[in-house]
C-alpha atoms as a PDB file:
ATOM      1  CA  UNK A   1     216.149 138.626  36.585  1.00  0.00           C
ATOM      2  CA  UNK A   2     219.339 135.928  36.444  1.00  0.00           C
ATOM      3  CA  UNK A   3     221.935 138.930  37.201  1.00  0.00           C
ATOM      4  CA  UNK A   4     219.956 139.948  40.200  1.00  0.00           C
ATOM      5  CA  UNK A   5     219.189 136.923  41.431  1.00  0.00           C
ATOM      6  CA  UNK A   6     222.997 135.547  41.644  1.00  0.00           C
ATOM      7  CA  UNK A   7     223.829 139.392  43.330  1.00  0.00           C
ATOM      8  CA  UNK A   8     221.249 138.556  45.964  1.00  0.00           C
ATOM      9  CA  UNK A   9     222.695 134.958  46.491  1.00  0.00           C
ATOM     10  CA  UNK A  10     226.608 135.867  46.456  1.00  0.00           C
ATOM     11  CA  UNK A  11     225.652 138.944  49.298  1.00  0.00           C
ATOM     12  CA  UNK A  12     223.585 136.869  51.171  1.00  0.00           C
ATOM     13  CA  UNK A  13     225.249 133.707  51.697  1.00  0.00           C
ATOM     14  CA  UNK A  14     228.574 135.460  52.930  1.00  0.00           C
ATOM     15  CA  UNK A  15     226.391 137.619  55.225  1.00  0.00           C
ATOM     16  CA  UNK A  16     224.559 134.744  56.747  1.00  0.00           C
ATOM     17  CA  UNK A  17     227.715 132.825  57.662  1.00  0.00           C
ATOM     18  CA  UNK A  18     227.736 134.688  61.378  1.00  0.00           C
ATOM     19  CA  UNK A  19     224.919 132.101  62.092  1.00  0.00           C
ATOM     20  CA  UNK A  20     227.132 129.435  61.177  1.00  0.00           C
ATOM     21  CA  UNK A  21     230.139 130.144  63.532  1.00  0.00           C
ATOM     22  CA  UNK A  22     231.902 126.447  62.929  1.00  0.00           C
ATOM     23  CA  UNK A  23     232.041 127.475  58.537  1.00  0.00           C
ATOM     24  CA  UNK A  24     232.743 130.893  59.198  1.00  0.00           C
ATOM     25  CA  UNK A  25     235.752 130.028  61.856  1.00  0.00           C
ATOM     26  CA  UNK A  26     237.230 127.323  59.278  1.00  0.00           C
ATOM     27  CA  UNK A  27     237.476 129.882  56.127  1.00  0.00           C
ATOM     28  CA  UNK A  28     238.948 132.834  58.800  1.00  0.00           C
ATOM     29  CA  UNK A  29     241.753 129.922  60.160  1.00  0.00           C
ATOM     30  CA  UNK A  30     242.768 129.653  56.550  1.00  0.00           C
ATOM     31  CA  UNK A  31     242.569 132.585  55.076  1.00  0.00           C
ATOM     32  CA  UNK A  32     243.277 134.771  57.940  1.00  0.00           C
ATOM     33  CA  UNK A  33     241.609 137.364  59.477  1.00  0.00           C
ATOM     34  CA  UNK A  34     242.808 140.436  57.097  1.00  0.00           C
ATOM     35  CA  UNK A  35     242.392 137.753  54.148  1.00  0.00           C
ATOM     36  CA  UNK A  36     238.879 136.808  55.270  1.00  0.00           C
ATOM     37  CA  UNK A  37     237.743 140.551  55.510  1.00  0.00           C
ATOM     38  CA  UNK A  38     239.287 141.452  52.181  1.00  0.00           C
ATOM     39  CA  UNK A  39     237.043 138.491  50.652  1.00  0.00           C
ATOM     40  CA  UNK A  40     234.096 139.210  52.701  1.00  0.00           C
ATOM     41  CA  UNK A  41     234.004 143.228  51.785  1.00  0.00           C
ATOM     42  CA  UNK A  42     235.179 142.608  47.930  1.00  0.00           C
ATOM     43  CA  UNK A  43     232.237 139.874  47.862  1.00  0.00           C
ATOM     44  CA  UNK A  44     229.753 142.294  49.384  1.00  0.00           C
ATOM     45  CA  UNK A  45     230.982 145.174  46.753  1.00  0.00           C
ATOM     46  CA  UNK A  46     230.359 143.286  43.815  1.00  0.00           C
ATOM     47  CA  UNK A  47     227.238 141.541  44.835  1.00  0.00           C
ATOM     48  CA  UNK A  48     225.628 144.668  45.551  1.00  0.00           C
ATOM     49  CA  UNK A  49     227.035 146.338  42.018  1.00  0.00           C
ATOM     50  CA  UNK A  50     224.965 142.601  40.635  1.00  0.00           C
ATOM     51  CA  UNK A  51     221.803 143.569  42.966  1.00  0.00           C
ATOM     52  CA  UNK A  52     221.582 147.200  41.512  1.00  0.00           C
ATOM     53  CA  UNK A  53     222.337 146.438  37.980  1.00  0.00           C
ATOM     54  CA  UNK A  54     220.297 143.321  37.846  1.00  0.00           C
ATOM     55  CA  UNK A  55     217.234 145.344  39.300  1.00  0.00           C
ATOM     56  CA  UNK A  56     217.743 148.035  37.514  1.00  0.00           C
ATOM     57  CA  UNK A  57     217.943 145.905  33.963  1.00  0.00           C
ATOM     58  CA  UNK A  58     215.140 144.164  35.547  1.00  0.00           C
ATOM     59  CA  UNK A  59     212.750 147.151  35.512  1.00  0.00           C
ATOM     60  CA  UNK A  60     214.302 149.119  32.672  1.00  0.00           C
ATOM     61  CA  UNK A  61     213.633 146.055  30.338  1.00  0.00           C
ATOM     62  CA  UNK A  62     210.697 144.887  31.877  1.00  0.00           C
ATOM     63  CA  UNK A  63     211.624 140.925  30.713  1.00  0.00           C
ATOM     64  CA  UNK A  64     210.119 138.493  33.188  1.00  0.00           C
ATOM     65  CA  UNK A  65     209.102 141.175  35.429  1.00  0.00           C
ATOM     66  CA  UNK A  66     205.698 140.716  36.081  1.00  0.00           C
ATOM     67  CA  UNK A  67     203.423 142.904  37.971  1.00  0.00           C
ATOM     68  CA  UNK A  68     201.901 140.797  40.808  1.00  0.00           C
ATOM     69  CA  UNK A  69     199.673 143.086  42.496  1.00  0.00           C
ATOM     70  CA  UNK A  70     199.180 147.247  42.338  1.00  0.00           C
ATOM     71  CA  UNK A  71     199.756 148.654  45.732  1.00  0.00           C
ATOM     72  CA  UNK A  72     196.983 151.451  46.636  1.00  0.00           C
ATOM     73  CA  UNK A  73     198.558 155.590  46.006  1.00  0.00           C
ATOM     74  CA  UNK A  74     197.906 155.506  49.755  1.00  0.00           C
ATOM     75  CA  UNK A  75     200.960 153.045  50.703  1.00  0.00           C
ATOM     76  CA  UNK A  76     203.487 155.505  49.561  1.00  0.00           C
ATOM     77  CA  UNK A  77     203.027 158.166  52.512  1.00  0.00           C
ATOM     78  CA  UNK A  78     203.342 154.897  54.937  1.00  0.00           C
ATOM     79  CA  UNK A  79     206.521 154.226  53.261  1.00  0.00           C
ATOM     80  CA  UNK A  80     207.753 157.872  53.795  1.00  0.00           C
ATOM     81  CA  UNK A  81     207.480 157.255  57.267  1.00  0.00           C
ATOM     82  CA  UNK A  82     208.777 154.071  57.661  1.00  0.00           C
ATOM     83  CA  UNK A  83     211.712 154.831  55.574  1.00  0.00           C
ATOM     84  CA  UNK A  84     212.321 157.992  58.557  1.00  0.00           C
ATOM     85  CA  UNK A  85     212.296 155.462  61.258  1.00  0.00           C
ATOM     86  CA  UNK A  86     214.957 153.738  59.369  1.00  0.00           C
ATOM     87  CA  UNK A  87     217.194 156.062  58.617  1.00  0.00           C
ATOM     88  CA  UNK A  88     217.192 156.971  62.409  1.00  0.00           C
ATOM     89  CA  UNK A  89     217.588 153.390  63.541  1.00  0.00           C
ATOM     90  CA  UNK A  90     220.635 153.148  61.060  1.00  0.00           C
ATOM     91  CA  UNK A  91     222.573 156.456  63.089  1.00  0.00           C
ATOM     92  CA  UNK A  92     221.471 154.679  66.140  1.00  0.00           C
ATOM     93  CA  UNK A  93     223.286 151.642  65.124  1.00  0.00           C
ATOM     94  CA  UNK A  94     226.295 154.218  65.889  1.00  0.00           C
ATOM     95  CA  UNK A  95     225.448 156.312  68.597  1.00  0.00           C
ATOM     96  CA  UNK A  96     225.057 155.420  71.644  1.00  0.00           C
ATOM     97  CA  UNK A  97     221.832 156.352  72.573  1.00  0.00           C
ATOM     98  CA  UNK A  98     218.253 154.769  74.314  1.00  0.00           C
ATOM     99  CA  UNK A  99     217.080 154.114  70.894  1.00  0.00           C
ATOM    100  CA  UNK A 100     220.295 151.780  70.576  1.00  0.00           C
ATOM    101  CA  UNK A 101     219.408 149.568  73.976  1.00  0.00           C
ATOM    102  CA  UNK A 102     215.704 149.374  72.818  1.00  0.00           C
ATOM    103  CA  UNK A 103     216.187 148.241  69.480  1.00  0.00           C
ATOM    104  CA  UNK A 104     219.047 146.358  70.453  1.00  0.00           C
ATOM    105  CA  UNK A 105     220.108 145.932  67.092  1.00  0.00           C
ATOM    106  CA  UNK A 106     219.116 148.852  65.082  1.00  0.00           C
ATOM    107  CA  UNK A 107     220.998 148.114  61.961  1.00  0.00           C
ATOM    108  CA  UNK A 108     219.414 144.948  60.908  1.00  0.00           C
ATOM    109  CA  UNK A 109     215.597 146.656  62.371  1.00  0.00           C
ATOM    110  CA  UNK A 110     216.316 149.376  59.492  1.00  0.00           C
ATOM    111  CA  UNK A 111     217.241 146.642  57.438  1.00  0.00           C
ATOM    112  CA  UNK A 112     213.789 145.291  58.055  1.00  0.00           C
ATOM    113  CA  UNK A 113     211.959 148.390  57.988  1.00  0.00           C
ATOM    114  CA  UNK A 114     213.686 149.690  54.459  1.00  0.00           C
ATOM    115  CA  UNK A 115     212.742 146.590  52.679  1.00  0.00           C
ATOM    116  CA  UNK A 116     208.967 146.221  54.670  1.00  0.00           C
ATOM    117  CA  UNK A 117     208.437 149.883  53.405  1.00  0.00           C
ATOM    118  CA  UNK A 118     209.542 149.267  50.018  1.00  0.00           C
ATOM    119  CA  UNK A 119     207.472 145.776  49.846  1.00  0.00           C
ATOM    120  CA  UNK A 120     204.667 147.835  50.527  1.00  0.00           C
ATOM    121  CA  UNK A 121     204.813 150.010  47.230  1.00  0.00           C
ATOM    122  CA  UNK A 122     206.340 147.921  44.878  1.00  0.00           C
ATOM    123  CA  UNK A 123     204.195 145.110  43.331  1.00  0.00           C
ATOM    124  CA  UNK A 124     206.774 143.354  40.485  1.00  0.00           C
ATOM    125  CA  UNK A 125     208.675 140.560  41.039  1.00  0.00           C
ATOM    126  CA  UNK A 126     211.832 142.022  40.484  1.00  0.00           C
ATOM    127  CA  UNK A 127     210.954 144.399  43.936  1.00  0.00           C
ATOM    128  CA  UNK A 128     209.723 141.301  45.871  1.00  0.00           C
ATOM    129  CA  UNK A 129     212.676 139.541  44.950  1.00  0.00           C
ATOM    130  CA  UNK A 130     214.761 141.771  45.887  1.00  0.00           C
ATOM    131  CA  UNK A 131     213.082 143.303  48.726  1.00  0.00           C
ATOM    132  CA  UNK A 132     211.496 140.149  49.875  1.00  0.00           C
ATOM    133  CA  UNK A 133     214.997 138.985  50.424  1.00  0.00           C
ATOM    134  CA  UNK A 134     216.514 141.277  52.548  1.00  0.00           C
ATOM    135  CA  UNK A 135     213.684 141.332  54.714  1.00  0.00           C
ATOM    136  CA  UNK A 136     213.921 137.896  55.430  1.00  0.00           C
ATOM    137  CA  UNK A 137     217.707 138.379  55.431  1.00  0.00           C
ATOM    138  CA  UNK A 138     216.841 140.544  58.759  1.00  0.00           C
ATOM    139  CA  UNK A 139     215.014 138.394  60.714  1.00  0.00           C
ATOM    140  CA  UNK A 140     217.079 135.442  59.984  1.00  0.00           C
ATOM    141  CA  UNK A 141     220.431 137.337  61.242  1.00  0.00           C
ATOM    142  CA  UNK A 142     218.785 138.931  64.260  1.00  0.00           C
ATOM    143  CA  UNK A 143     217.504 135.240  65.348  1.00  0.00           C
ATOM    144  CA  UNK A 144     221.028 134.393  65.042  1.00  0.00           C
ATOM    145  CA  UNK A 145     222.494 137.435  66.893  1.00  0.00           C
ATOM    146  CA  UNK A 146     220.130 136.754  69.535  1.00  0.00           C
ATOM    147  CA  UNK A 147     221.249 133.051  69.830  1.00  0.00           C
ATOM    148  CA  UNK A 148     224.716 134.036  69.479  1.00  0.00           C
ATOM    149  CA  UNK A 149     224.150 137.188  72.067  1.00  0.00           C
ATOM    150  CA  UNK A 150     226.340 139.415  69.608  1.00  0.00           C
ATOM    151  CA  UNK A 151     226.189 142.762  70.742  1.00  0.00           C
ATOM    152  CA  UNK A 152     226.452 145.124  67.532  1.00  0.00           C
ATOM    153  CA  UNK A 153     229.029 147.740  66.712  1.00  0.00           C
ATOM    154  CA  UNK A 154     229.293 149.738  69.803  1.00  0.00           C
ATOM    155  CA  UNK A 155     229.256 146.317  72.164  1.00  0.00           C
ATOM    156  CA  UNK A 156     227.892 147.501  75.479  1.00  0.00           C
ATOM    157  CA  UNK A 157     227.898 151.183  74.675  1.00  0.00           C
ATOM    158  CA  UNK A 158     225.498 153.296  76.600  1.00  0.00           C
ATOM    159  CA  UNK A 159     223.710 156.187  76.001  1.00  0.00           C
ATOM    160  CA  UNK A 160     220.974 158.990  77.053  1.00  0.00           C
ATOM    161  CA  UNK A 161     218.877 161.861  75.810  1.00  0.00           C
ATOM    162  CA  UNK A 162     221.477 163.300  74.026  1.00  0.00           C
ATOM    163  CA  UNK A 163     222.600 160.386  71.880  1.00  0.00           C
ATOM    164  CA  UNK A 164     218.926 160.118  71.066  1.00  0.00           C
ATOM    165  CA  UNK A 165     218.826 163.603  70.128  1.00  0.00           C
ATOM    166  CA  UNK A 166     221.841 162.857  67.887  1.00  0.00           C
ATOM    167  CA  UNK A 167     220.363 159.892  66.265  1.00  0.00           C
ATOM    168  CA  UNK A 168     217.147 161.909  65.284  1.00  0.00           C
ATOM    169  CA  UNK A 169     219.027 164.575  63.966  1.00  0.00           C
ATOM    170  CA  UNK A 170     221.824 162.376  62.295  1.00  0.00           C
ATOM    171  CA  UNK A 171     219.144 159.973  60.637  1.00  0.00           C
ATOM    172  CA  UNK A 172     217.063 162.809  59.879  1.00  0.00           C
ATOM    173  CA  UNK A 173     219.040 165.095  57.693  1.00  0.00           C
ATOM    174  CA  UNK A 174     219.728 161.515  55.817  1.00  0.00           C
ATOM    175  CA  UNK A 175     216.607 160.912  55.380  1.00  0.00           C
ATOM    176  CA  UNK A 176     215.996 164.412  54.131  1.00  0.00           C
ATOM    177  CA  UNK A 177     218.615 163.991  52.034  1.00  0.00           C
ATOM    178  CA  UNK A 178     217.766 161.054  50.113  1.00  0.00           C
ATOM    179  CA  UNK A 179     213.920 162.181  50.018  1.00  0.00           C
ATOM    180  CA  UNK A 180     215.501 165.300  48.120  1.00  0.00           C
ATOM    181  CA  UNK A 181     218.351 163.793  45.606  1.00  0.00           C
ATOM    182  CA  UNK A 182     219.751 160.737  46.660  1.00  0.00           C
ATOM    183  CA  UNK A 183     217.586 158.835  45.717  1.00  0.00           C
ATOM    184  CA  UNK A 184     217.522 160.067  42.370  1.00  0.00           C
ATOM    185  CA  UNK A 185     220.888 160.287  41.709  1.00  0.00           C
ATOM    186  CA  UNK A 186     221.662 156.852  43.328  1.00  0.00           C
ATOM    187  CA  UNK A 187     218.183 154.918  42.591  1.00  0.00           C
ATOM    188  CA  UNK A 188     217.553 157.139  39.557  1.00  0.00           C
ATOM    189  CA  UNK A 189     213.852 157.640  40.670  1.00  0.00           C
ATOM    190  CA  UNK A 190     213.078 161.063  41.903  1.00  0.00           C
ATOM    191  CA  UNK A 191     210.870 160.917  45.102  1.00  0.00           C
ATOM    192  CA  UNK A 192     210.031 164.457  45.528  1.00  0.00           C
ATOM    193  CA  UNK A 193     210.649 167.074  42.451  1.00  0.00           C
ATOM    194  CA  UNK A 194     213.046 169.655  42.458  1.00  0.00           C
ATOM    195  CA  UNK A 195     215.248 171.989  40.074  1.00  0.00           C
ATOM    196  CA  UNK A 196     218.774 169.373  41.074  1.00  0.00           C
ATOM    197  CA  UNK A 197     216.526 165.387  40.033  1.00  0.00           C
ATOM    198  CA  UNK A 198     217.266 164.550  36.591  1.00  0.00           C
END
């Protein structure tokens, strides 16, 4: 459990630096733009590995990972629907479309949906720490980007119906691949039993 907590802290602190522009600017001045980006990327990668290992360890050994509540079985259907929306929003973050324009910051919306959807079906302490932390991060960062008028990776780019169709198609395909194969191989938990799932 400690590894999970350490990984979450290592990931959240650098990602919340934009909320403190003065501190971020100071670090960029000292390290240089490329040095700051490299350090940010390395810390993020190491933190994600720590999170994955810590979460897997908490579930594998179960040490300290108490069950806080027992989600109703029907919640899994709601989670599957929310995750489809999350994948579409994630795709929309990089595809100019009306979906992106309405969502404003679709990547953060996707992170919040992902976290909330998983909290609906996981009632253990490790899951609360993991998904609760990312949900809180998504909310805090959304407030931060609004106050900073940050526009996201595509800036002011806008799109129409074609962009909407592309975002839905890309997000839908990614969702199906994750549903059938990705979750089993990346997370170790098959969502759909297939001949390829372990």
